[in-house]
Amino acid sequence: MQAGRTILAEGRNFLRDLKGLLDEPVQLGSIPLTIISGTHISRMEKKTRPALLEAHRKTAAGHPGSRLVEARRSGHMIMYTEPQLIVDEIKRMI
């Protein structure tokens, strides 16, 4: 029950926060940026995952020196399905 309440609490302001990012995008300047994006499209994500992938591609293309890393076996939870990919990218950045 507590986990369910926590999920609801975390999501309460989600749409408002997303709109805030659209209205006032974060200015990253010249900070090196790596976007790790899950490319596996599950039945539940067939409407949303393609839009997220496109957004990730646009963000990477619009930021100088950025890098898009595709997690081909992952959807949303890359840290569980491909943790080594994340570790490898952190090591590469260091």
Protein backbone atom coordinates (compact mmCIF):
# COMPACT_ATOMS: atom_id res chain seq x y z
CA MET A 1 0.00 0.00 0.00
CA GLN A 2 2.79 2.42 0.90
CA ALA A 3 4.51 1.85 -2.46
CA GLY A 4 1.26 2.68 -4.25
CA ARG A 5 0.83 5.87 -2.23
CA THR A 6 4.42 6.84 -2.98
CA ILE A 7 3.95 6.35 -6.73
CA LEU A 8 0.81 8.50 -6.65
CA ALA A 9 2.58 11.21 -4.66
CA GLU A 10 5.55 11.24 -7.05
CA GLY A 11 3.27 11.56 -10.07
CA ARG A 12 0.98 14.21 -8.63
CA ASN A 13 2.86 17.13 -10.20
CA PHE A 14 4.34 15.26 -13.15
CA LEU A 15 2.38 16.95 -15.97
CA ARG A 16 2.80 20.39 -14.42
CA ASP A 17 6.54 19.82 -14.12
CA LEU A 18 6.80 18.64 -17.74
CA LYS A 19 4.95 21.76 -18.91
CA GLY A 20 7.37 23.83 -16.85
CA LEU A 21 10.30 22.29 -18.72
CA LEU A 22 8.65 23.13 -22.04
CA ASP A 23 8.00 26.70 -20.93
CA GLU A 24 11.46 27.18 -19.42
CA PRO A 25 13.96 24.61 -20.76
CA VAL A 26 17.04 23.93 -18.68
CA GLN A 27 20.06 25.74 -20.10
CA LEU A 28 22.95 23.28 -20.12
CA GLY A 29 25.52 25.48 -21.84
CA SER A 30 28.56 23.46 -22.86
CA ILE A 31 28.16 20.70 -20.28
CA PRO A 32 28.91 17.32 -21.92
CA LEU A 33 25.63 15.47 -22.25
CA THR A 34 24.91 11.79 -22.72
CA ILE A 35 21.35 10.64 -23.20
CA ILE A 36 20.80 6.93 -22.67
CA SER A 37 17.51 6.00 -24.28
CA GLY A 38 15.70 2.66 -24.18
CA THR A 39 14.65 1.70 -27.70
CA HIS A 40 12.69 -1.48 -26.95
CA ILE A 41 8.99 -0.79 -27.49
CA SER A 42 6.68 -2.88 -25.34
CA ARG A 43 2.94 -3.24 -25.93
CA MET A 44 2.29 -0.76 -23.13
CA GLU A 45 4.66 1.83 -24.58
CA LYS A 46 3.84 1.57 -28.28
CA LYS A 47 2.23 5.02 -28.25
CA THR A 48 4.68 6.83 -25.98
CA ARG A 49 8.11 5.23 -26.56
CA PRO A 50 8.50 6.42 -30.20
CA ALA A 51 7.79 10.01 -29.12
CA LEU A 52 10.30 9.72 -26.27
CA LEU A 53 12.94 8.34 -28.63
CA GLU A 54 12.37 11.22 -31.02
CA ALA A 55 12.60 13.73 -28.17
CA HIS A 56 15.87 12.16 -27.02
CA ARG A 57 17.25 12.30 -30.57
CA LYS A 58 16.27 15.97 -30.93
CA THR A 59 17.81 16.85 -27.58
CA ALA A 60 21.09 15.13 -28.51
CA ALA A 61 21.15 16.75 -31.94
CA GLY A 62 20.49 20.19 -30.48
CA HIS A 63 23.20 20.15 -27.85
CA PRO A 64 26.84 20.64 -28.93
CA GLY A 65 29.05 17.71 -28.04
CA SER A 66 26.17 15.55 -26.91
CA ARG A 67 25.87 11.83 -27.38
CA LEU A 68 22.86 9.53 -27.71
CA VAL A 69 23.36 5.97 -26.49
CA GLU A 70 20.61 3.57 -27.46
CA ALA A 71 19.76 0.80 -25.01
CA ARG A 72 18.37 -1.70 -27.48
CA ARG A 73 17.17 -4.29 -24.95
CA SER A 74 15.53 -1.70 -22.69
CA GLY A 75 12.45 0.41 -22.46
CA HIS A 76 12.02 2.70 -19.46
CA MET A 77 14.04 0.83 -16.81
CA ILE A 78 17.51 0.74 -18.32
CA MET A 79 19.14 0.56 -14.91
CA TYR A 80 17.58 -2.89 -14.43
CA THR A 81 17.78 -4.30 -17.96
CA GLU A 82 21.19 -2.96 -19.05
CA PRO A 83 23.08 -1.69 -16.00
CA GLN A 84 26.46 -2.33 -17.62
CA LEU A 85 25.58 0.10 -20.41
CA ILE A 86 25.18 2.84 -17.81
CA VAL A 87 28.40 1.85 -16.03
CA ASP A 88 30.31 1.85 -19.30
CA GLU A 89 29.03 5.30 -20.22
CA ILE A 90 29.96 6.72 -16.83
CA LYS A 91 33.46 5.28 -17.18
CA ARG A 92 33.73 6.73 -20.69
CA MET A 93 32.79 10.18 -19.40
CA ILE A 94 35.32 10.04 -16.57
